[in-house]
PDB file of N, CA and C in Angstrom:
ATOM      1  N   MET A   1      -5.445  11.350   0.639  1.00  0.00           N
ATOM      2  CA  MET A   1      -5.415   9.958   1.015  1.00  0.00           C
ATOM      3  C   MET A   1      -4.427   9.782   2.162  1.00  0.00           C
ATOM      4  N   LYS A   2      -4.796   8.984   3.147  1.00  0.00           N
ATOM      5  CA  LYS A   2      -3.977   8.847   4.346  1.00  0.00           C
ATOM      6  C   LYS A   2      -2.867   7.820   4.206  1.00  0.00           C
ATOM      7  N   ILE A   3      -2.996   6.882   3.273  1.00  0.00           N
ATOM      8  CA  ILE A   3      -1.953   5.881   3.047  1.00  0.00           C
ATOM      9  C   ILE A   3      -1.029   6.395   1.951  1.00  0.00           C
ATOM     10  N   LYS A   4       0.273   6.316   2.212  1.00  0.00           N
ATOM     11  CA  LYS A   4       1.276   6.809   1.263  1.00  0.00           C
ATOM     12  C   LYS A   4       2.149   5.654   0.774  1.00  0.00           C
ATOM     13  N   SER A   5       2.977   5.918  -0.236  1.00  0.00           N
ATOM     14  CA  SER A   5       3.911   4.911  -0.738  1.00  0.00           C
ATOM     15  C   SER A   5       4.916   4.532   0.349  1.00  0.00           C
ATOM     16  N   ASN A   6       5.375   3.289   0.322  1.00  0.00           N
ATOM     17  CA  ASN A   6       6.335   2.709   1.265  1.00  0.00           C
ATOM     18  C   ASN A   6       5.766   2.492   2.661  1.00  0.00           C
ATOM     19  N   ASP A   7       4.461   2.688   2.873  1.00  0.00           N
ATOM     20  CA  ASP A   7       3.837   2.355   4.153  1.00  0.00           C
ATOM     21  C   ASP A   7       3.602   0.854   4.204  1.00  0.00           C
ATOM     22  N   LYS A   8       3.627   0.292   5.404  1.00  0.00           N
ATOM     23  CA  LYS A   8       3.287  -1.116   5.587  1.00  0.00           C
ATOM     24  C   LYS A   8       1.815  -1.175   5.970  1.00  0.00           C
ATOM     25  N   VAL A   9       1.037  -1.988   5.244  1.00  0.00           N
ATOM     26  CA  VAL A   9      -0.397  -2.079   5.489  1.00  0.00           C
ATOM     27  C   VAL A   9      -0.818  -3.529   5.658  1.00  0.00           C
ATOM     28  N   LYS A  10      -1.961  -3.714   6.311  1.00  0.00           N
ATOM     29  CA  LYS A  10      -2.578  -5.028   6.456  1.00  0.00           C
ATOM     30  C   LYS A  10      -3.921  -4.981   5.741  1.00  0.00           C
ATOM     31  N   ILE A  11      -4.231  -6.039   4.991  1.00  0.00           N
ATOM     32  CA  ILE A  11      -5.481  -6.113   4.251  1.00  0.00           C
ATOM     33  C   ILE A  11      -6.575  -6.588   5.204  1.00  0.00           C
ATOM     34  N   ILE A  12      -7.703  -5.857   5.260  1.00  0.00           N
ATOM     35  CA  ILE A  12      -8.775  -6.182   6.195  1.00  0.00           C
ATOM     36  C   ILE A  12     -10.035  -6.677   5.498  1.00  0.00           C
ATOM     37  N   ALA A  13     -10.028  -6.708   4.157  1.00  0.00           N
ATOM     38  CA  ALA A  13     -11.196  -7.204   3.429  1.00  0.00           C
ATOM     39  C   ALA A  13     -10.754  -7.744   2.082  1.00  0.00           C
ATOM     40  N   GLY A  14     -11.494  -8.726   1.582  1.00  0.00           N
ATOM     41  CA  GLY A  14     -11.203  -9.274   0.263  1.00  0.00           C
ATOM     42  C   GLY A  14     -10.536 -10.638   0.331  1.00  0.00           C
ATOM     43  N   LYS A  15     -10.072 -11.107  -0.825  1.00  0.00           N
ATOM     44  CA  LYS A  15      -9.516 -12.464  -0.906  1.00  0.00           C
ATOM     45  C   LYS A  15      -8.185 -12.607  -0.178  1.00  0.00           C
ATOM     46  N   ASP A  16      -7.450 -11.519   0.029  1.00  0.00           N
ATOM     47  CA  ASP A  16      -6.165 -11.551   0.719  1.00  0.00           C
ATOM     48  C   ASP A  16      -6.272 -11.051   2.155  1.00  0.00           C
ATOM     49  N   ASN A  17      -7.442 -11.221   2.761  1.00  0.00           N
ATOM     50  CA  ASN A  17      -7.698 -10.749   4.115  1.00  0.00           C
ATOM     51  C   ASN A  17      -6.679 -11.319   5.108  1.00  0.00           C
ATOM     52  N   GLY A  18      -6.051 -10.453   5.908  1.00  0.00           N
ATOM     53  CA  GLY A  18      -5.091 -10.877   6.916  1.00  0.00           C
ATOM     54  C   GLY A  18      -3.644 -10.777   6.478  1.00  0.00           C
ATOM     55  N   LYS A  19      -3.390 -10.653   5.174  1.00  0.00           N
ATOM     56  CA  LYS A  19      -2.015 -10.540   4.678  1.00  0.00           C
ATOM     57  C   LYS A  19      -1.536  -9.105   4.813  1.00  0.00           C
ATOM     58  N   SER A  20      -0.224  -8.933   4.856  1.00  0.00           N
ATOM     59  CA  SER A  20       0.322  -7.578   4.932  1.00  0.00           C
ATOM     60  C   SER A  20       1.442  -7.421   3.916  1.00  0.00           C
ATOM     61  N   GLY A  21       1.723  -6.177   3.566  1.00  0.00           N
ATOM     62  CA  GLY A  21       2.767  -5.891   2.596  1.00  0.00           C
ATOM     63  C   GLY A  21       3.031  -4.404   2.512  1.00  0.00           C
ATOM     64  N   LYS A  22       3.998  -4.048   1.658  1.00  0.00           N
ATOM     65  CA  LYS A  22       4.406  -2.658   1.498  1.00  0.00           C
ATOM     66  C   LYS A  22       3.669  -2.048   0.295  1.00  0.00           C
ATOM     67  N   VAL A  23       3.242  -0.807   0.444  1.00  0.00           N
ATOM     68  CA  VAL A  23       2.543  -0.102  -0.634  1.00  0.00           C
ATOM     69  C   VAL A  23       3.565   0.297  -1.691  1.00  0.00           C
ATOM     70  N   ILE A  24       3.332  -0.142  -2.927  1.00  0.00           N
ATOM     71  CA  ILE A  24       4.226   0.178  -4.032  1.00  0.00           C
ATOM     72  C   ILE A  24       3.809   1.488  -4.691  1.00  0.00           C
ATOM     73  N   LYS A  25       2.513   1.634  -4.929  1.00  0.00           N
ATOM     74  CA  LYS A  25       2.022   2.798  -5.663  1.00  0.00           C
ATOM     75  C   LYS A  25       0.664   3.214  -5.123  1.00  0.00           C
ATOM     76  N   VAL A  26       0.405   4.523  -5.124  1.00  0.00           N
ATOM     77  CA  VAL A  26      -0.871   5.071  -4.689  1.00  0.00           C
ATOM     78  C   VAL A  26      -1.531   5.752  -5.878  1.00  0.00           C
ATOM     79  N   ILE A  27      -2.779   5.383  -6.151  1.00  0.00           N
ATOM     80  CA  ILE A  27      -3.560   5.997  -7.227  1.00  0.00           C
ATOM     81  C   ILE A  27      -4.657   6.806  -6.540  1.00  0.00           C
ATOM     82  N   SER A  28      -4.372   8.066  -6.242  1.00  0.00           N
ATOM     83  CA  SER A  28      -5.273   8.867  -5.413  1.00  0.00           C
ATOM     84  C   SER A  28      -6.564   9.265  -6.129  1.00  0.00           C
ATOM     85  N   ASP A  29      -6.553   9.340  -7.457  1.00  0.00           N
ATOM     86  CA  ASP A  29      -7.770   9.710  -8.192  1.00  0.00           C
ATOM     87  C   ASP A  29      -8.873   8.682  -7.992  1.00  0.00           C
ATOM     88  N   ASP A  30      -8.501   7.405  -7.919  1.00  0.00           N
ATOM     89  CA  ASP A  30      -9.479   6.330  -7.775  1.00  0.00           C
ATOM     90  C   ASP A  30      -9.534   5.773  -6.355  1.00  0.00           C
ATOM     91  N   ASN A  31      -8.762   6.342  -5.421  1.00  0.00           N
ATOM     92  CA  ASN A  31      -8.677   5.878  -4.035  1.00  0.00           C
ATOM     93  C   ASN A  31      -8.241   4.412  -3.983  1.00  0.00           C
ATOM     94  N   ARG A  32      -7.212   4.074  -4.764  1.00  0.00           N
ATOM     95  CA  ARG A  32      -6.727   2.709  -4.849  1.00  0.00           C
ATOM     96  C   ARG A  32      -5.227   2.661  -4.568  1.00  0.00           C
ATOM     97  N   ILE A  33      -4.756   1.501  -4.094  1.00  0.00           N
ATOM     98  CA  ILE A  33      -3.341   1.309  -3.814  1.00  0.00           C
ATOM     99  C   ILE A  33      -2.900  -0.031  -4.402  1.00  0.00           C
ATOM    100  N   ILE A  34      -1.603  -0.124  -4.719  1.00  0.00           N
ATOM    101  CA  ILE A  34      -1.011  -1.383  -5.158  1.00  0.00           C
ATOM    102  C   ILE A  34      -0.058  -1.824  -4.060  1.00  0.00           C
ATOM    103  N   VAL A  35      -0.308  -3.021  -3.514  1.00  0.00           N
ATOM    104  CA  VAL A  35       0.480  -3.556  -2.414  1.00  0.00           C
ATOM    105  C   VAL A  35       1.291  -4.740  -2.924  1.00  0.00           C
ATOM    106  N   GLU A  36       2.548  -4.803  -2.511  1.00  0.00           N
ATOM    107  CA  GLU A  36       3.472  -5.835  -2.956  1.00  0.00           C
ATOM    108  C   GLU A  36       2.996  -7.223  -2.508  1.00  0.00           C
ATOM    109  N   GLY A  37       2.766  -8.126  -3.474  1.00  0.00           N
ATOM    110  CA  GLY A  37       2.376  -9.505  -3.183  1.00  0.00           C
ATOM    111  C   GLY A  37       0.910  -9.705  -2.855  1.00  0.00           C
ATOM    112  N   ILE A  38       0.098  -8.673  -3.011  1.00  0.00           N
ATOM    113  CA  ILE A  38      -1.328  -8.756  -2.694  1.00  0.00           C
ATOM    114  C   ILE A  38      -2.141  -8.570  -3.978  1.00  0.00           C
ATOM    115  N   ASN A  39      -3.264  -9.282  -4.077  1.00  0.00           N
ATOM    116  CA  ASN A  39      -4.182  -9.214  -5.218  1.00  0.00           C
ATOM    117  C   ASN A  39      -3.453  -9.548  -6.523  1.00  0.00           C
ATOM    118  N   LEU A  40      -2.768 -10.677  -6.510  1.00  0.00           N
ATOM    119  CA  LEU A  40      -2.001 -11.100  -7.675  1.00  0.00           C
ATOM    120  C   LEU A  40      -2.923 -11.612  -8.771  1.00  0.00           C
ATOM    121  N   VAL A  41      -2.642 -11.196 -10.006  1.00  0.00           N
ATOM    122  CA  VAL A  41      -3.389 -11.659 -11.173  1.00  0.00           C
ATOM    123  C   VAL A  41      -2.392 -12.160 -12.209  1.00  0.00           C
ATOM    124  N   LYS A  42      -2.844 -13.094 -13.044  1.00  0.00           N
ATOM    125  CA  LYS A  42      -1.974 -13.641 -14.079  1.00  0.00           C
ATOM    126  C   LYS A  42      -2.280 -12.955 -15.404  1.00  0.00           C
ATOM    127  N   ARG A  43      -1.232 -12.578 -16.098  1.00  0.00           N
ATOM    128  CA  ARG A  43      -1.339 -11.977 -17.425  1.00  0.00           C
ATOM    129  C   ARG A  43      -0.649 -12.902 -18.409  1.00  0.00           C
ATOM    130  N   HIS A  44      -1.302 -13.169 -19.520  1.00  0.00           N
ATOM    131  CA  HIS A  44      -0.716 -14.022 -20.554  1.00  0.00           C
ATOM    132  C   HIS A  44      -0.122 -13.139 -21.636  1.00  0.00           C
ATOM    133  N   ILE A  45       1.158 -13.337 -21.910  1.00  0.00           N
ATOM    134  CA  ILE A  45       1.868 -12.528 -22.894  1.00  0.00           C
ATOM    135  C   ILE A  45       2.107 -13.377 -24.132  1.00  0.00           C
ATOM    136  N   LYS A  46       1.708 -12.843 -25.266  1.00  0.00           N
ATOM    137  CA  LYS A  46       1.866 -13.526 -26.540  1.00  0.00           C
ATOM    138  C   LYS A  46       3.331 -13.476 -26.975  1.00  0.00           C
ATOM    139  N   SER A  47       3.766 -14.494 -27.719  1.00  0.00           N
ATOM    140  CA  SER A  47       5.141 -14.493 -28.209  1.00  0.00           C
ATOM    141  C   SER A  47       5.315 -13.406 -29.257  1.00  0.00           C
ATOM    142  N   LYS A  48       6.476 -12.763 -29.250  1.00  0.00           N
ATOM    143  CA  LYS A  48       6.728 -11.665 -30.189  1.00  0.00           C
ATOM    144  C   LYS A  48       7.362 -12.152 -31.478  1.00  0.00           C
ATOM    145  N   LYS A  49       8.173 -13.201 -31.383  1.00  0.00           N
ATOM    146  CA  LYS A  49       8.837 -13.737 -32.565  1.00  0.00           C
ATOM    147  C   LYS A  49       8.361 -15.160 -32.793  1.00  0.00           C
ATOM    148  N   GLN A  50       8.439 -15.592 -34.004  1.00  0.00           N
ATOM    149  CA  GLN A  50       8.031 -16.951 -34.322  1.00  0.00           C
ATOM    150  C   GLN A  50       9.035 -17.939 -33.717  1.00  0.00           C
ATOM    151  N   GLY A  51       8.532 -18.996 -33.119  1.00  0.00           N
ATOM    152  CA  GLY A  51       9.387 -19.981 -32.476  1.00  0.00           C
ATOM    153  C   GLY A  51       9.621 -19.684 -31.001  1.00  0.00           C
ATOM    154  N   GLU A  52       9.295 -18.482 -30.562  1.00  0.00           N
ATOM    155  CA  GLU A  52       9.443 -18.098 -29.163  1.00  0.00           C
ATOM    156  C   GLU A  52       8.172 -18.503 -28.421  1.00  0.00           C
ATOM    157  N   LYS A  53       8.295 -18.850 -27.147  1.00  0.00           N
ATOM    158  CA  LYS A  53       7.133 -19.261 -26.368  1.00  0.00           C
ATOM    159  C   LYS A  53       6.478 -18.054 -25.703  1.00  0.00           C
ATOM    160  N   GLY A  54       5.175 -18.172 -25.501  1.00  0.00           N
ATOM    161  CA  GLY A  54       4.458 -17.160 -24.741  1.00  0.00           C
ATOM    162  C   GLY A  54       4.750 -17.340 -23.262  1.00  0.00           C
ATOM    163  N   GLN A  55       4.344 -16.367 -22.452  1.00  0.00           N
ATOM    164  CA  GLN A  55       4.637 -16.405 -21.025  1.00  0.00           C
ATOM    165  C   GLN A  55       3.398 -16.084 -20.210  1.00  0.00           C
ATOM    166  N   THR A  56       3.426 -16.532 -18.971  1.00  0.00           N
ATOM    167  CA  THR A  56       2.411 -16.156 -17.997  1.00  0.00           C
ATOM    168  C   THR A  56       3.117 -15.373 -16.902  1.00  0.00           C
ATOM    169  N   VAL A  57       2.690 -14.134 -16.682  1.00  0.00           N
ATOM    170  CA  VAL A  57       3.328 -13.255 -15.707  1.00  0.00           C
ATOM    171  C   VAL A  57       2.321 -12.933 -14.612  1.00  0.00           C
ATOM    172  N   THR A  58       2.751 -13.017 -13.351  1.00  0.00           N
ATOM    173  CA  THR A  58       1.886 -12.604 -12.247  1.00  0.00           C
ATOM    174  C   THR A  58       2.271 -11.192 -11.823  1.00  0.00           C
ATOM    175  N   ALA A  59       1.261 -10.367 -11.589  1.00  0.00           N
ATOM    176  CA  ALA A  59       1.494  -8.978 -11.200  1.00  0.00           C
ATOM    177  C   ALA A  59       0.454  -8.566 -10.163  1.00  0.00           C
ATOM    178  N   SER A  60       0.797  -7.598  -9.325  1.00  0.00           N
ATOM    179  CA  SER A  60      -0.139  -7.074  -8.337  1.00  0.00           C
ATOM    180  C   SER A  60      -1.064  -6.077  -9.014  1.00  0.00           C
ATOM    181  N   SER A  61      -2.349  -6.172  -8.711  1.00  0.00           N
ATOM    182  CA  SER A  61      -3.301  -5.211  -9.252  1.00  0.00           C
ATOM    183  C   SER A  61      -3.841  -4.353  -8.102  1.00  0.00           C
ATOM    184  N   PRO A  62      -4.414  -3.197  -8.415  1.00  0.00           N
ATOM    185  CA  PRO A  62      -4.848  -2.267  -7.368  1.00  0.00           C
ATOM    186  C   PRO A  62      -6.018  -2.793  -6.543  1.00  0.00           C
ATOM    187  N   ILE A  63      -6.047  -2.398  -5.278  1.00  0.00           N
ATOM    188  CA  ILE A  63      -7.188  -2.651  -4.404  1.00  0.00           C
ATOM    189  C   ILE A  63      -7.650  -1.314  -3.846  1.00  0.00           C
ATOM    190  N   ASN A  64      -8.861  -1.291  -3.327  1.00  0.00           N
ATOM    191  CA  ASN A  64      -9.383  -0.065  -2.738  1.00  0.00           C
ATOM    192  C   ASN A  64      -8.648   0.222  -1.431  1.00  0.00           C
ATOM    193  N   ALA A  65      -8.332   1.478  -1.194  1.00  0.00           N
ATOM    194  CA  ALA A  65      -7.569   1.872  -0.003  1.00  0.00           C
ATOM    195  C   ALA A  65      -8.353   1.619   1.278  1.00  0.00           C
ATOM    196  N   SER A  66      -9.679   1.557   1.191  1.00  0.00           N
ATOM    197  CA  SER A  66     -10.485   1.302   2.385  1.00  0.00           C
ATOM    198  C   SER A  66     -10.373  -0.146   2.850  1.00  0.00           C
ATOM    199  N   ASN A  67      -9.827  -1.032   2.021  1.00  0.00           N
ATOM    200  CA  ASN A  67      -9.642  -2.437   2.381  1.00  0.00           C
ATOM    201  C   ASN A  67      -8.299  -2.688   3.061  1.00  0.00           C
ATOM    202  N   ALA A  68      -7.544  -1.629   3.342  1.00  0.00           N
ATOM    203  CA  ALA A  68      -6.235  -1.763   3.981  1.00  0.00           C
ATOM    204  C   ALA A  68      -6.158  -0.821   5.176  1.00  0.00           C
ATOM    205  N   ILE A  69      -5.406  -1.247   6.187  1.00  0.00           N
ATOM    206  CA  ILE A  69      -5.188  -0.409   7.364  1.00  0.00           C
ATOM    207  C   ILE A  69      -3.686  -0.319   7.621  1.00  0.00           C
ATOM    208  N   LEU A  70      -3.246   0.844   8.018  1.00  0.00           N
ATOM    209  CA  LEU A  70      -1.821   1.099   8.230  1.00  0.00           C
ATOM    210  C   LEU A  70      -1.299   0.356   9.458  1.00  0.00           C
ATOM    211  N   ILE A  71      -0.078  -0.161   9.354  1.00  0.00           N
ATOM    212  CA  ILE A  71       0.625  -0.730  10.500  1.00  0.00           C
ATOM    213  C   ILE A  71       1.658   0.309  10.930  1.00  0.00           C
ATOM    214  N   CYS A  72       1.539   0.774  12.170  1.00  0.00           N
ATOM    215  CA  CYS A  72       2.427   1.821  12.691  1.00  0.00           C
ATOM    216  C   CYS A  72       3.854   1.301  12.761  1.00  0.00           C
ATOM    217  N   PRO A  73       4.839   2.041  12.217  1.00  0.00           N
ATOM    218  CA  PRO A  73       6.230   1.589  12.278  1.00  0.00           C
ATOM    219  C   PRO A  73       6.824   1.642  13.687  1.00  0.00           C
ATOM    220  N   LYS A  74       6.229   2.422  14.587  1.00  0.00           N
ATOM    221  CA  LYS A  74       6.762   2.553  15.947  1.00  0.00           C
ATOM    222  C   LYS A  74       6.245   1.443  16.868  1.00  0.00           C
ATOM    223  N   CYS A  75       4.912   1.254  16.914  1.00  0.00           N
ATOM    224  CA  CYS A  75       4.328   0.289  17.854  1.00  0.00           C
ATOM    225  C   CYS A  75       3.936  -1.032  17.185  1.00  0.00           C
ATOM    226  N   ASN A  76       4.054  -1.147  15.867  1.00  0.00           N
ATOM    227  CA  ASN A  76       3.736  -2.350  15.088  1.00  0.00           C
ATOM    228  C   ASN A  76       2.313  -2.840  15.307  1.00  0.00           C
ATOM    229  N   LYS A  77       1.375  -1.906  15.485  1.00  0.00           N
ATOM    230  CA  LYS A  77      -0.039  -2.247  15.625  1.00  0.00           C
ATOM    231  C   LYS A  77      -0.807  -1.659  14.456  1.00  0.00           C
ATOM    232  N   GLU A  78      -1.947  -2.298  14.145  1.00  0.00           N
ATOM    233  CA  GLU A  78      -2.832  -1.751  13.121  1.00  0.00           C
ATOM    234  C   GLU A  78      -3.477  -0.506  13.714  1.00  0.00           C
ATOM    235  N   THR A  79      -3.466   0.571  12.968  1.00  0.00           N
ATOM    236  CA  THR A  79      -3.956   1.819  13.535  1.00  0.00           C
ATOM    237  C   THR A  79      -4.595   2.708  12.477  1.00  0.00           C
ATOM    238  N   ARG A  80      -5.434   3.599  12.954  1.00  0.00           N
ATOM    239  CA  ARG A  80      -5.953   4.646  12.094  1.00  0.00           C
ATOM    240  C   ARG A  80      -4.955   5.792  12.098  1.00  0.00           C
ATOM    241  N   ILE A  81      -5.135   6.726  11.206  1.00  0.00           N
ATOM    242  CA  ILE A  81      -4.177   7.813  11.044  1.00  0.00           C
ATOM    243  C   ILE A  81      -4.848   9.127  11.402  1.00  0.00           C
ATOM    244  N   GLY A  82      -4.158   9.908  12.234  1.00  0.00           N
ATOM    245  CA  GLY A  82      -4.619  11.241  12.556  1.00  0.00           C
ATOM    246  C   GLY A  82      -3.611  12.257  12.046  1.00  0.00           C
ATOM    247  N   TYR A  83      -3.949  13.519  12.176  1.00  0.00           N
ATOM    248  CA  TYR A  83      -3.052  14.573  11.727  1.00  0.00           C
ATOM    249  C   TYR A  83      -2.782  15.537  12.862  1.00  0.00           C
ATOM    250  N   LEU A  84      -1.568  16.073  12.877  1.00  0.00           N
ATOM    251  CA  LEU A  84      -1.158  17.067  13.857  1.00  0.00           C
ATOM    252  C   LEU A  84      -0.548  18.231  13.091  1.00  0.00           C
ATOM    253  N   VAL A  85      -1.113  19.422  13.288  1.00  0.00           N
ATOM    254  CA  VAL A  85      -0.598  20.613  12.618  1.00  0.00           C
ATOM    255  C   VAL A  85       0.270  21.373  13.612  1.00  0.00           C
ATOM    256  N   LEU A  86       1.526  21.576  13.252  1.00  0.00           N
ATOM    257  CA  LEU A  86       2.463  22.283  14.123  1.00  0.00           C
ATOM    258  C   LEU A  86       2.271  23.792  14.005  1.00  0.00           C
ATOM    259  N   ASP A  87       2.966  24.546  14.873  1.00  0.00           N
ATOM    260  CA  ASP A  87       2.848  26.006  14.888  1.00  0.00           C
ATOM    261  C   ASP A  87       3.320  26.638  13.585  1.00  0.00           C
ATOM    262  N   ASN A  88       4.328  26.018  12.949  1.00  0.00           N
ATOM    263  CA  ASN A  88       4.848  26.585  11.707  1.00  0.00           C
ATOM    264  C   ASN A  88       4.032  26.181  10.480  1.00  0.00           C
ATOM    265  N   GLY A  89       2.924  25.462  10.674  1.00  0.00           N
ATOM    266  CA  GLY A  89       2.033  25.111   9.574  1.00  0.00           C
ATOM    267  C   GLY A  89       2.278  23.749   8.961  1.00  0.00           C
ATOM    268  N   GLU A  90       3.291  23.023   9.450  1.00  0.00           N
ATOM    269  CA  GLU A  90       3.565  21.687   8.913  1.00  0.00           C
ATOM    270  C   GLU A  90       2.519  20.701   9.424  1.00  0.00           C
ATOM    271  N   LYS A  91       2.100  19.803   8.535  1.00  0.00           N
ATOM    272  CA  LYS A  91       1.089  18.811   8.862  1.00  0.00           C
ATOM    273  C   LYS A  91       1.754  17.445   8.918  1.00  0.00           C
ATOM    274  N   HIS A  92       1.616  16.729  10.050  1.00  0.00           N
ATOM    275  CA  HIS A  92       2.245  15.427  10.235  1.00  0.00           C
ATOM    276  C   HIS A  92       1.179  14.363  10.461  1.00  0.00           C
ATOM    277  N   ARG A  93       1.440  13.161   9.923  1.00  0.00           N
ATOM    278  CA  ARG A  93       0.571  12.018  10.190  1.00  0.00           C
ATOM    279  C   ARG A  93       0.951  11.437  11.544  1.00  0.00           C
ATOM    280  N   VAL A  94      -0.075  11.056  12.338  1.00  0.00           N
ATOM    281  CA  VAL A  94       0.146  10.584  13.697  1.00  0.00           C
ATOM    282  C   VAL A  94      -0.627   9.280  13.903  1.00  0.00           C
ATOM    283  N   CYS A  95       0.013   8.318  14.592  1.00  0.00           N
ATOM    284  CA  CYS A  95      -0.637   7.067  14.975  1.00  0.00           C
ATOM    285  C   CYS A  95      -1.676   7.369  16.052  1.00  0.00           C
ATOM    286  N   LYS A  96      -2.892   6.854  15.907  1.00  0.00           N
ATOM    287  CA  LYS A  96      -3.945   7.106  16.888  1.00  0.00           C
ATOM    288  C   LYS A  96      -3.741   6.328  18.182  1.00  0.00           C
ATOM    289  N   LYS A  97      -2.937   5.244  18.139  1.00  0.00           N
ATOM    290  CA  LYS A  97      -2.751   4.429  19.337  1.00  0.00           C
ATOM    291  C   LYS A  97      -1.580   4.908  20.189  1.00  0.00           C
ATOM    292  N   CYS A  98      -0.395   5.099  19.565  1.00  0.00           N
ATOM    293  CA  CYS A  98       0.782   5.475  20.359  1.00  0.00           C
ATOM    294  C   CYS A  98       1.104   6.966  20.268  1.00  0.00           C
ATOM    295  N   LYS A  99       0.347   7.707  19.470  1.00  0.00           N
ATOM    296  CA  LYS A  99       0.502   9.165  19.321  1.00  0.00           C
ATOM    297  C   LYS A  99       1.866   9.582  18.775  1.00  0.00           C
ATOM    298  N   GLN A 100       2.591   8.666  18.108  1.00  0.00           N
ATOM    299  CA  GLN A 100       3.902   8.983  17.541  1.00  0.00           C
ATOM    300  C   GLN A 100       3.753   9.417  16.085  1.00  0.00           C
ATOM    301  N   ASP A 101       4.688  10.226  15.638  1.00  0.00           N
ATOM    302  CA  ASP A 101       4.715  10.711  14.263  1.00  0.00           C
ATOM    303  C   ASP A 101       5.043   9.558  13.314  1.00  0.00           C
ATOM    304  N   ILE A 102       4.291   9.456  12.217  1.00  0.00           N
ATOM    305  CA  ILE A 102       4.549   8.431  11.211  1.00  0.00           C
ATOM    306  C   ILE A 102       5.354   9.097  10.103  1.00  0.00           C
ATOM    307  N   ALA A 103       6.647   8.778  10.069  1.00  0.00           N
ATOM    308  CA  ALA A 103       7.538   9.375   9.079  1.00  0.00           C
ATOM    309  C   ALA A 103       7.399   8.614   7.772  1.00  0.00           C
ATOM    310  N   ILE A 104       7.517   9.332   6.666  1.00  0.00           N
ATOM    311  CA  ILE A 104       7.484   8.728   5.351  1.00  0.00           C
ATOM    312  C   ILE A 104       8.905   8.379   4.971  1.00  0.00           C
ATOM    313  N   GLN A 105       9.158   7.088   4.733  1.00  0.00           N
ATOM    314  CA  GLN A 105      10.485   6.669   4.298  1.00  0.00           C
ATOM    315  C   GLN A 105      10.547   6.832   2.787  1.00  0.00           C
ATOM    316  N   VAL A 106      11.340   7.785   2.334  1.00  0.00           N
ATOM    317  CA  VAL A 106      11.465   8.061   0.900  1.00  0.00           C
ATOM    318  C   VAL A 106      12.551   7.162   0.331  1.00  0.00           C
ATOM    319  N   LYS A 107      12.207   6.451  -0.753  1.00  0.00           N
ATOM    320  CA  LYS A 107      13.149   5.544  -1.389  1.00  0.00           C
ATOM    321  C   LYS A 107      13.994   6.323  -2.374  1.00  0.00           C
ATOM    322  N   LYS A 108      15.325   6.198  -2.272  1.00  0.00           N
ATOM    323  CA  LYS A 108      16.220   6.939  -3.170  1.00  0.00           C
ATOM    324  C   LYS A 108      16.922   5.998  -4.101  1.00  0.00           C
TER     325      LYS A 108
END
């Protein structure tokens, strides 16, 4: 899958068309991604103790990865992703528009 966690993406299809956000989680088996603040659904939680009130919680649900396009961190444009294989065998993701390396920001 070309989209990774912590990438910034723009939604190009569906009810949240035109919105953008950061990828929280990638589910590669189903080709789906969870984007922060996109495809929000409400979940109703039952009360656990008597006298306590139930709650309504909003959470992001997965969308298909084909409905999102990467926003390049260097040129801030929507772009497709290419790959560049170096001489030592390392494979890097590359922006198709500005030809710059797309680094993965790892959250610690």
